[in-house]
Every structure is written in structure tokens, then in C-alpha cells.
Amino acid sequence: MDKTDFKKYIYGSILTSENMSSELRKWRTFFKIKQISLANEMKISPSVISDYELGRQKYPGTQFLLKFVNSLIKIDESKIKITDKFLDNYSFDDKTSSILDIKEYQKPINAKKILELTDCKILVGEDLIDIPIFGHTILDSLMSILNLNDTSFYKIYGNTTERVIFFTQVSIGRSPMVTIKVYPLKPRVVVLHGLDNVDKLAIKIAEKEKIILAISRIKTSKNLVNQVKNINLYQLI
């Protein structure tokens, strides 16, 4: 991934989000840029950015989004260099990688369908299961704790955060959800595998972050991985 790809990643994340306001705010805070600094770079009033972030103005146009993303990267290049740190750590070549599989779908798939295909029991967010999902990532929970640092964590989101993240080898579910909570990027769905009961804190985090949380009842991690790898064959919405 280079800077052009990173810009596309941010742009796609905002464009496919069901809540553009929070997505715009999330990326600005990710880069630690103040509204006034971003507004100055974009040559607009800070109130415009504030209105979009608070939802007073909805659905910014593509030109605004492109200018927004380019301005974030330009400001970052001159100061914090978060972009460079991200790109330095964006690699799938590590033999001990915690990522077991990562895919983007040709067409979005209904979250309900994905949960059915992976034999899931929904714990939080049953009212959200009709949302479209654009990809999935399967993580080895133990390896994630060992290997993922502050910047490399973001590679698990592929091209968009509108995805399901499956965690295998989970004991109580607290660590995966706490990890997700502390980072600005959030997946739409989290599926835990390898446990019967989920820690209460994990459930509270899912409720607060409006994340669908589920347990997969597929017997083994290997079977789960095989089933998830076939999900993109079901191009249903």
C-alpha cells in the first residue's frame, strides 16, 4: 500500500459508511488534526466541517470528500507523519501474522446472511443485522495480542471498516472488544469463536459502540475459516 492507496482506503471508508458524520470525525481525530487547521487547508469555514461532523449537514459531495482526504494527508505529511507510520507497518508478509484471511466482496452481503452461514448466536445488535457488509477479516485472537501494534492494527480493515471481523481462539471475549474500543476504526460486526459465554464488559462495549456481537457455534477454528472463506461466493444483499 502506498499513499495513493491509503487515500483511497480513507475515501472508501467514509463513502461506504452508514454514518458519514462519525466517519469524518473519526478520521480527523485519527490524524490528530483540529477542525480549524483542516478548514484552513481546505479553504473553507470551520463551521462547515463542524456541521458535517455533527450531522447538521448530511452527505457531503465527492469533491468535498476528496479535498477532505487530501488535506488530512497533506497536513500529516508536514507534521505528525501518522501516514508514514501506518504504511511502514502495513504488510501481510509476516509469517506469524495474526490475519488468517482477509477479503473484500464483489458485492455487499447482508450481515444476517453472513451470521447464518457461520452459525452465529447474536448477543448484541439484532436490530442492525440488515446492514450491508463489504468484506471480512479472520484473526487469530492470541496472535493478535502478541503481534498487532498501534499502527499495524489498522491493516485488518482492508479497504473498508464495513466488514465482519472473526476472532478465533477466544477465551472470554474481553481482549478483542477492548482492543477494538481503544482504536478509532470500528468494524460493523464482531464474531467470536471458541467460547460459550462472553465477558460482560465485551457485551457493554459492543452495545456502546453499536457493533453487532455474535458467537459462532461452528465446531473448530479450521471449519470456521473454511466456511468464512466461502462467504464471498454468496453475493446476496
Protein backbone atom coordinates (compact mmCIF):
# COMPACT_ATOMS: atom_id res chain seq x y z
CA MET A 1 0.00 0.00 0.00
CA ASP A 2 1.27 3.47 -0.91
CA LYS A 3 -0.12 6.91 -0.08
CA THR A 4 -2.47 6.85 -3.06
CA ASP A 5 -3.93 3.55 -1.87
CA PHE A 6 -4.17 4.92 1.66
CA LYS A 7 -6.16 7.90 0.40
CA LYS A 8 -8.49 5.52 -1.46
CA TYR A 9 -8.83 3.48 1.73
CA ILE A 10 -9.90 6.52 3.75
CA TYR A 11 -12.20 7.77 0.99
CA GLY A 12 -13.86 4.35 0.65
CA SER A 13 -14.28 4.05 4.42
CA ILE A 14 -16.15 7.35 4.53
CA LEU A 15 -18.16 6.80 1.37
CA THR A 16 -19.44 3.34 2.37
CA SER A 17 -20.21 4.28 5.97
CA GLU A 18 -23.83 4.48 7.07
CA ASN A 19 -22.82 7.34 9.38
CA MET A 20 -20.60 9.70 7.42
CA SER A 21 -20.63 12.26 10.22
CA SER A 22 -18.90 9.97 12.69
CA GLU A 23 -16.59 8.63 9.97
CA LEU A 24 -15.41 12.13 9.06
CA ARG A 25 -14.81 12.94 12.73
CA LYS A 26 -13.09 9.60 13.28
CA TRP A 27 -10.53 10.18 10.54
CA ARG A 28 -9.83 13.77 11.58
CA THR A 29 -9.18 12.67 15.17
CA PHE A 30 -7.15 9.70 13.93
CA PHE A 31 -4.73 12.19 12.37
CA LYS A 32 -4.93 14.42 15.49
CA ILE A 33 -5.89 17.43 13.38
CA LYS A 34 -8.05 20.26 14.73
CA GLN A 35 -11.09 21.42 12.80
CA ILE A 36 -9.65 24.88 12.28
CA SER A 37 -6.38 23.51 10.84
CA LEU A 38 -8.26 21.25 8.46
CA ALA A 39 -10.60 24.07 7.44
CA ASN A 40 -7.65 26.36 6.71
CA GLU A 41 -6.07 23.72 4.46
CA MET A 42 -9.39 23.10 2.69
CA LYS A 43 -10.00 26.88 2.46
CA ILE A 44 -13.45 26.61 4.00
CA SER A 45 -15.07 27.78 7.23
CA PRO A 46 -14.52 25.56 10.32
CA SER A 47 -18.29 25.63 10.76
CA VAL A 48 -18.67 23.60 7.55
CA ILE A 49 -16.59 20.77 8.98
CA SER A 50 -18.39 21.05 12.30
CA ASP A 51 -21.78 20.85 10.57
CA TYR A 52 -20.81 17.68 8.71
CA GLU A 53 -19.27 16.03 11.78
CA LEU A 54 -22.33 16.78 13.92
CA GLY A 55 -24.77 15.68 11.24
CA ARG A 56 -26.32 19.11 10.78
CA GLN A 57 -25.33 18.81 7.12
CA LYS A 58 -25.51 15.34 5.58
CA TYR A 59 -24.00 13.56 2.60
CA PRO A 60 -21.03 15.73 1.58
CA GLY A 61 -20.28 15.62 -2.14
CA THR A 62 -17.44 13.68 -3.70
CA GLN A 63 -15.39 16.83 -4.29
CA PHE A 64 -15.62 17.72 -0.60
CA LEU A 65 -14.59 14.18 0.39
CA LEU A 66 -11.61 14.17 -1.96
CA LYS A 67 -10.49 17.55 -0.66
CA PHE A 68 -11.04 16.37 2.93
CA VAL A 69 -8.86 13.27 2.46
CA ASN A 70 -6.12 15.08 0.54
CA SER A 71 -6.00 17.79 3.18
CA LEU A 72 -5.66 15.27 6.02
CA ILE A 73 -2.69 13.64 4.30
CA LYS A 74 -1.07 16.97 3.37
CA ILE A 75 -1.27 18.29 6.92
CA ASP A 76 0.00 14.99 8.30
CA GLU A 77 2.98 14.98 5.91
CA SER A 78 4.11 18.34 7.26
CA LYS A 79 3.71 17.48 10.94
CA ILE A 80 2.78 14.20 12.62
CA LYS A 81 3.66 11.63 9.94
CA ILE A 82 0.97 9.16 11.00
CA THR A 83 0.64 8.19 7.34
CA ASP A 84 4.27 7.06 7.18
CA LYS A 85 3.90 5.05 10.38
CA PHE A 86 0.78 3.39 9.00
CA LEU A 87 2.39 2.49 5.67
CA ASP A 88 5.59 1.24 7.33
CA ASN A 89 3.54 -1.30 9.26
CA TYR A 90 1.08 -2.24 6.52
CA SER A 91 2.38 -5.62 5.46
CA PHE A 92 0.89 -9.07 5.09
CA ASP A 93 4.23 -10.81 4.65
CA ASP A 94 4.86 -11.60 8.32
CA LYS A 95 4.88 -15.40 8.72
CA THR A 96 3.49 -15.05 12.22
CA SER A 97 0.69 -12.78 11.05
CA SER A 98 -2.48 -12.90 13.10
CA ILE A 99 -4.57 -12.48 9.93
CA LEU A 100 -5.84 -15.86 8.81
CA ASP A 101 -7.91 -14.49 5.95
CA ILE A 102 -8.96 -11.09 4.62
CA LYS A 103 -11.28 -10.41 1.69
CA GLU A 104 -13.34 -7.70 0.05
CA TYR A 105 -16.64 -8.74 -1.52
CA GLN A 106 -17.52 -8.07 -5.14
CA LYS A 107 -20.96 -7.03 -3.90
CA PRO A 108 -22.11 -6.28 -0.34
CA ILE A 109 -23.64 -9.16 1.61
CA ASN A 110 -26.35 -8.77 4.20
CA ALA A 111 -24.93 -9.16 7.73
CA LYS A 112 -27.78 -11.52 8.59
CA LYS A 113 -26.74 -13.87 5.78
CA ILE A 114 -23.12 -13.92 6.96
CA LEU A 115 -24.17 -14.71 10.53
CA GLU A 116 -26.42 -17.51 9.31
CA LEU A 117 -23.66 -19.01 7.16
CA THR A 118 -21.29 -19.08 10.15
CA ASP A 119 -23.91 -20.48 12.58
CA CYS A 120 -23.89 -17.48 14.90
CA LYS A 121 -25.79 -16.64 18.04
CA ILE A 122 -26.35 -12.88 18.15
CA LEU A 123 -25.64 -11.26 21.52
CA VAL A 124 -25.83 -7.56 20.65
CA GLY A 125 -27.27 -5.63 17.71
CA GLU A 126 -30.00 -7.88 16.38
CA ASP A 127 -31.78 -4.74 15.14
CA LEU A 128 -28.76 -3.98 12.92
CA ILE A 129 -28.43 -7.28 11.07
CA ASP A 130 -29.83 -5.99 7.77
CA ILE A 131 -26.82 -3.73 7.14
CA PRO A 132 -24.62 -4.42 4.07
CA ILE A 133 -21.15 -5.85 4.68
CA PHE A 134 -18.31 -5.28 2.21
CA GLY A 135 -15.65 -7.67 3.48
CA HIS A 136 -14.33 -9.88 6.27
CA THR A 137 -11.18 -10.49 8.27
CA ILE A 138 -10.35 -13.59 10.32
CA LEU A 139 -7.93 -13.07 13.19
CA ASP A 140 -6.16 -15.47 15.47
CA SER A 141 -7.03 -13.82 18.78
CA LEU A 142 -3.87 -14.93 20.59
CA MET A 143 -1.55 -13.88 17.77
CA SER A 144 -3.33 -10.54 17.53
CA ILE A 145 -2.49 -9.73 21.13
CA LEU A 146 1.14 -10.68 20.53
CA ASN A 147 1.73 -9.13 17.10
CA LEU A 148 -0.51 -6.17 16.38
CA ASN A 149 0.86 -2.81 17.45
CA ASP A 150 -0.70 0.67 17.37
CA THR A 151 -0.35 1.13 13.62
CA SER A 152 -0.35 -2.39 12.18
CA PHE A 153 -3.77 -2.97 13.79
CA TYR A 154 -5.35 -0.89 11.04
CA LYS A 155 -4.40 -3.36 8.30
CA ILE A 156 -7.14 -5.71 9.50
CA TYR A 157 -9.74 -3.37 7.95
CA GLY A 158 -8.69 -3.95 4.34
CA ASN A 159 -10.46 -1.43 2.11
CA THR A 160 -13.29 -0.56 4.49
CA THR A 161 -14.47 -0.82 8.09
CA GLU A 162 -17.87 -2.00 6.83
CA ARG A 163 -16.86 -5.59 7.49
CA VAL A 164 -17.07 -8.58 9.84
CA ILE A 165 -14.08 -9.40 11.99
CA PHE A 166 -13.91 -13.00 13.18
CA PHE A 167 -11.74 -13.76 16.21
CA THR A 168 -10.67 -17.39 16.71
CA GLN A 169 -9.27 -18.99 19.89
CA VAL A 170 -11.17 -16.62 22.14
CA SER A 171 -11.39 -17.33 25.87
CA ILE A 172 -13.89 -14.77 27.24
CA GLY A 173 -14.06 -12.11 24.52
CA ARG A 174 -12.85 -9.20 26.63
CA SER A 175 -9.47 -8.65 24.96
CA PRO A 176 -10.78 -8.42 21.35
CA MET A 177 -13.50 -5.95 22.29
CA VAL A 178 -11.23 -3.83 24.47
CA THR A 179 -8.73 -3.69 21.59
CA ILE A 180 -11.46 -2.55 19.20
CA LYS A 181 -12.68 0.05 21.67
CA VAL A 182 -9.34 1.84 22.00
CA TYR A 183 -8.87 2.37 18.26
CA PRO A 184 -10.89 4.93 16.26
CA LEU A 185 -11.77 2.48 13.48
CA LYS A 186 -14.62 0.09 14.31
CA PRO A 187 -15.97 -2.90 12.38
CA ARG A 188 -19.69 -3.35 11.84
CA VAL A 189 -19.73 -6.92 13.14
CA VAL A 190 -17.53 -8.93 15.52
CA VAL A 191 -17.85 -12.71 15.69
CA LEU A 192 -16.10 -14.60 18.49
CA HIS A 193 -15.24 -18.29 18.22
CA GLY A 194 -14.08 -20.82 20.79
CA LEU A 195 -16.20 -19.87 23.79
CA ASP A 196 -19.68 -20.40 25.19
CA ASN A 197 -20.11 -17.33 27.38
CA VAL A 198 -18.91 -13.79 26.67
CA ASP A 199 -17.50 -11.41 29.26
CA LYS A 200 -20.00 -8.74 30.35
CA LEU A 201 -17.55 -5.95 29.55
CA ALA A 202 -17.27 -7.17 25.96
CA ILE A 203 -21.05 -7.02 25.65
CA LYS A 204 -21.18 -3.50 27.11
CA ILE A 205 -18.52 -2.31 24.67
CA ALA A 206 -20.45 -3.73 21.72
CA GLU A 207 -23.63 -2.03 22.90
CA LYS A 208 -21.92 1.33 23.37
CA GLU A 209 -20.09 1.20 20.04
CA LYS A 210 -23.21 -0.11 18.20
CA ILE A 211 -21.34 -3.17 16.96
CA ILE A 212 -23.13 -6.43 16.20
CA LEU A 213 -21.57 -9.02 18.52
CA ALA A 214 -22.08 -12.74 17.97
CA ILE A 215 -20.68 -16.16 18.85
CA SER A 216 -20.05 -18.72 16.11
CA ARG A 217 -21.08 -22.23 17.09
CA ILE A 218 -19.05 -23.90 14.33
CA LYS A 219 -17.11 -26.70 16.00
CA THR A 220 -13.48 -25.95 15.12
CA SER A 221 -11.44 -22.93 14.08
CA LYS A 222 -10.42 -24.71 10.88
CA ASN A 223 -14.04 -25.31 9.92
CA LEU A 224 -14.88 -21.68 10.68
CA VAL A 225 -12.03 -20.40 8.50
CA ASN A 226 -13.10 -22.66 5.62
CA GLN A 227 -16.71 -21.52 5.92
CA VAL A 228 -15.80 -17.84 6.07
CA LYS A 229 -13.50 -18.13 3.04
CA ASN A 230 -16.54 -19.25 1.04
CA ILE A 231 -18.72 -16.34 2.12
CA ASN A 232 -17.86 -14.20 -0.90
CA LEU A 233 -19.49 -16.87 -3.08
CA TYR A 234 -22.82 -15.72 -1.69
CA GLN A 235 -23.31 -12.36 -3.34
CA LEU A 236 -26.64 -11.65 -1.65
CA ILE A 237 -27.82 -8.43 -0.04
